[in-house]
Amino acid sequence: MNLKINGEIKTIEKSNKEFLLEGLLEYLGYKPQLVVVELNGVIINPKDWINTKIKNGDCLEVVTIVGGGSYS
């Protein structure tokens, strides 16, 4: 399965396995509680990740939430 993730084409070796978004994020090593996901131009609610099927050729943008900052 070929996916475009954050602008890079990635080949997922387990192409015979159907991926749901939640499983794909775990497979790729993301911590689900710390990311926002856009699939083919649409932000996907985390509650829907378990039911969202990923297909060959899909385009994902995965943004990691980072805390921090400084006080002046």
N, C-alpha and C. Protein backbone atom coordinates (compact mmCIF):
# COMPACT_ATOMS: atom_id res chain seq x y z
N MET A 1 0.85 -1.17 0.00
CA MET A 1 0.00 0.00 0.00
C MET A 1 0.90 1.23 0.00
N ASN A 2 0.63 2.18 -0.89
CA ASN A 2 1.38 3.43 -0.94
C ASN A 2 0.52 4.56 -0.39
N LEU A 3 1.08 5.30 0.54
CA LEU A 3 0.40 6.44 1.15
C LEU A 3 1.32 7.65 1.08
N LYS A 4 0.72 8.81 1.00
CA LYS A 4 1.49 10.05 1.10
C LYS A 4 1.27 10.57 2.52
N ILE A 5 2.35 10.55 3.32
CA ILE A 5 2.26 10.96 4.72
C ILE A 5 3.19 12.13 4.93
N ASN A 6 2.61 13.27 5.31
CA ASN A 6 3.37 14.51 5.53
C ASN A 6 4.25 14.84 4.32
N GLY A 7 3.70 14.66 3.13
CA GLY A 7 4.40 15.03 1.91
C GLY A 7 5.33 13.99 1.33
N GLU A 8 5.51 12.87 2.03
CA GLU A 8 6.41 11.81 1.58
C GLU A 8 5.62 10.57 1.21
N ILE A 9 5.98 9.94 0.10
CA ILE A 9 5.36 8.68 -0.27
C ILE A 9 5.98 7.58 0.59
N LYS A 10 5.12 6.83 1.26
CA LYS A 10 5.58 5.71 2.09
C LYS A 10 4.87 4.46 1.64
N THR A 11 5.64 3.38 1.59
CA THR A 11 5.08 2.08 1.25
C THR A 11 4.88 1.29 2.53
N ILE A 12 3.67 0.86 2.75
CA ILE A 12 3.35 0.04 3.91
C ILE A 12 3.41 -1.41 3.45
N GLU A 13 4.32 -2.16 4.03
CA GLU A 13 4.58 -3.53 3.59
C GLU A 13 3.39 -4.46 3.78
N LYS A 14 2.61 -4.22 4.79
CA LYS A 14 1.48 -5.11 5.06
C LYS A 14 0.29 -4.71 4.17
N SER A 15 0.52 -4.67 2.88
CA SER A 15 -0.49 -4.17 1.95
C SER A 15 -1.71 -5.07 1.85
N ASN A 16 -1.61 -6.33 2.26
CA ASN A 16 -2.77 -7.20 2.20
C ASN A 16 -3.68 -7.01 3.41
N LYS A 17 -3.21 -6.26 4.39
CA LYS A 17 -4.00 -6.01 5.59
C LYS A 17 -4.75 -4.69 5.43
N GLU A 18 -6.02 -4.71 5.79
CA GLU A 18 -6.79 -3.46 5.78
C GLU A 18 -6.42 -2.66 7.01
N PHE A 19 -6.09 -1.41 6.81
CA PHE A 19 -5.74 -0.55 7.94
C PHE A 19 -6.88 0.38 8.26
N LEU A 20 -7.15 0.49 9.54
CA LEU A 20 -7.99 1.56 10.03
C LEU A 20 -7.05 2.64 10.50
N LEU A 21 -7.49 3.88 10.50
CA LEU A 21 -6.62 5.00 10.83
C LEU A 21 -5.95 4.80 12.19
N GLU A 22 -6.69 4.37 13.18
CA GLU A 22 -6.11 4.18 14.51
C GLU A 22 -4.95 3.18 14.47
N GLY A 23 -5.13 2.06 13.79
CA GLY A 23 -4.09 1.05 13.69
C GLY A 23 -2.89 1.54 12.89
N LEU A 24 -3.14 2.31 11.84
CA LEU A 24 -2.05 2.83 11.03
C LEU A 24 -1.18 3.78 11.85
N LEU A 25 -1.80 4.65 12.64
CA LEU A 25 -1.03 5.58 13.47
C LEU A 25 -0.15 4.82 14.46
N GLU A 26 -0.69 3.77 15.06
CA GLU A 26 0.10 2.96 15.99
C GLU A 26 1.22 2.24 15.24
N TYR A 27 0.93 1.71 14.05
CA TYR A 27 1.93 1.02 13.23
C TYR A 27 3.09 1.95 12.89
N LEU A 28 2.76 3.23 12.63
CA LEU A 28 3.78 4.21 12.27
C LEU A 28 4.50 4.79 13.49
N GLY A 29 4.06 4.45 14.70
CA GLY A 29 4.75 4.88 15.91
C GLY A 29 4.25 6.19 16.50
N TYR A 30 3.11 6.69 16.03
CA TYR A 30 2.57 7.92 16.60
C TYR A 30 1.82 7.60 17.89
N LYS A 31 1.84 8.55 18.81
CA LYS A 31 1.05 8.44 20.03
C LYS A 31 -0.29 9.12 19.73
N PRO A 32 -1.35 8.33 19.62
CA PRO A 32 -2.64 8.89 19.17
C PRO A 32 -3.16 10.08 19.97
N GLN A 33 -2.85 10.14 21.25
CA GLN A 33 -3.36 11.24 22.07
C GLN A 33 -2.61 12.56 21.79
N LEU A 34 -1.53 12.50 21.00
CA LEU A 34 -0.72 13.70 20.75
C LEU A 34 -0.71 14.15 19.29
N VAL A 35 -1.66 13.67 18.47
CA VAL A 35 -1.64 14.06 17.07
C VAL A 35 -3.01 14.52 16.59
N VAL A 36 -2.97 15.32 15.54
CA VAL A 36 -4.15 15.71 14.77
C VAL A 36 -3.92 15.14 13.38
N VAL A 37 -4.98 14.55 12.80
CA VAL A 37 -4.81 13.88 11.51
C VAL A 37 -5.77 14.46 10.48
N GLU A 38 -5.18 14.78 9.32
CA GLU A 38 -5.97 15.20 8.17
C GLU A 38 -5.84 14.09 7.13
N LEU A 39 -6.97 13.59 6.65
CA LEU A 39 -6.99 12.52 5.65
C LEU A 39 -7.65 13.06 4.39
N ASN A 40 -6.87 13.12 3.31
CA ASN A 40 -7.37 13.61 2.03
C ASN A 40 -8.04 14.98 2.18
N GLY A 41 -7.43 15.85 2.98
CA GLY A 41 -7.90 17.22 3.12
C GLY A 41 -8.96 17.46 4.18
N VAL A 42 -9.33 16.42 4.93
CA VAL A 42 -10.37 16.54 5.95
C VAL A 42 -9.79 16.12 7.30
N ILE A 43 -9.94 16.99 8.32
CA ILE A 43 -9.50 16.64 9.66
C ILE A 43 -10.46 15.59 10.22
N ILE A 44 -9.88 14.50 10.73
CA ILE A 44 -10.68 13.38 11.23
C ILE A 44 -10.74 13.45 12.75
N ASN A 45 -11.96 13.43 13.29
CA ASN A 45 -12.17 13.42 14.73
C ASN A 45 -11.58 12.13 15.31
N PRO A 46 -10.81 12.22 16.38
CA PRO A 46 -10.22 11.01 16.98
C PRO A 46 -11.24 9.91 17.30
N LYS A 47 -12.47 10.27 17.60
CA LYS A 47 -13.50 9.26 17.87
C LYS A 47 -13.79 8.42 16.63
N ASP A 48 -13.50 8.95 15.45
CA ASP A 48 -13.78 8.26 14.20
C ASP A 48 -12.60 7.45 13.66
N TRP A 49 -11.44 7.55 14.30
CA TRP A 49 -10.25 6.85 13.81
C TRP A 49 -10.46 5.35 13.75
N ILE A 50 -11.20 4.79 14.69
CA ILE A 50 -11.38 3.34 14.77
C ILE A 50 -12.22 2.81 13.60
N ASN A 51 -12.99 3.69 12.94
CA ASN A 51 -13.86 3.28 11.84
C ASN A 51 -13.40 3.81 10.48
N THR A 52 -12.32 4.58 10.45
CA THR A 52 -11.87 5.21 9.21
C THR A 52 -10.89 4.30 8.49
N LYS A 53 -11.30 3.81 7.32
CA LYS A 53 -10.46 2.90 6.53
C LYS A 53 -9.45 3.71 5.72
N ILE A 54 -8.23 3.18 5.67
CA ILE A 54 -7.16 3.78 4.88
C ILE A 54 -7.01 2.96 3.61
N LYS A 55 -6.97 3.67 2.47
CA LYS A 55 -6.87 3.00 1.19
C LYS A 55 -5.58 3.38 0.48
N ASN A 56 -5.15 2.53 -0.42
CA ASN A 56 -3.97 2.80 -1.23
C ASN A 56 -4.14 4.17 -1.91
N GLY A 57 -3.10 4.99 -1.83
CA GLY A 57 -3.11 6.30 -2.46
C GLY A 57 -3.62 7.43 -1.58
N ASP A 58 -4.09 7.12 -0.38
CA ASP A 58 -4.58 8.18 0.52
C ASP A 58 -3.44 9.12 0.90
N CYS A 59 -3.83 10.34 1.23
CA CYS A 59 -2.89 11.39 1.62
C CYS A 59 -3.20 11.80 3.06
N LEU A 60 -2.20 11.65 3.94
CA LEU A 60 -2.37 12.01 5.34
C LEU A 60 -1.39 13.09 5.75
N GLU A 61 -1.87 13.99 6.57
CA GLU A 61 -1.01 14.96 7.26
C GLU A 61 -1.18 14.67 8.74
N VAL A 62 -0.09 14.36 9.40
CA VAL A 62 -0.13 14.04 10.83
C VAL A 62 0.68 15.11 11.55
N VAL A 63 -0.01 15.86 12.41
CA VAL A 63 0.62 16.96 13.13
C VAL A 63 0.73 16.57 14.60
N THR A 64 1.94 16.60 15.12
CA THR A 64 2.17 16.26 16.53
C THR A 64 2.00 17.51 17.38
N ILE A 65 1.24 17.37 18.45
CA ILE A 65 1.02 18.47 19.39
C ILE A 65 2.18 18.51 20.36
N VAL A 66 2.79 19.69 20.49
CA VAL A 66 3.94 19.86 21.37
C VAL A 66 3.60 20.94 22.38
N GLY A 67 3.77 20.65 23.64
CA GLY A 67 3.53 21.64 24.68
C GLY A 67 4.81 22.41 24.98
N GLY A 68 4.64 23.47 25.69
CA GLY A 68 5.82 24.23 26.08
C GLY A 68 5.61 25.71 25.87
N GLY A 69 6.68 26.42 25.88
CA GLY A 69 6.59 27.86 25.73
C GLY A 69 7.38 28.54 26.81
N SER A 70 7.32 29.83 26.80
CA SER A 70 8.04 30.59 27.83
C SER A 70 7.17 31.73 28.32
N TYR A 71 7.44 32.12 29.51
CA TYR A 71 6.73 33.24 30.11
C TYR A 71 7.70 34.41 30.25
N SER A 72 7.22 35.56 29.91
CA SER A 72 8.09 36.76 30.01
C SER A 72 7.78 37.53 31.26
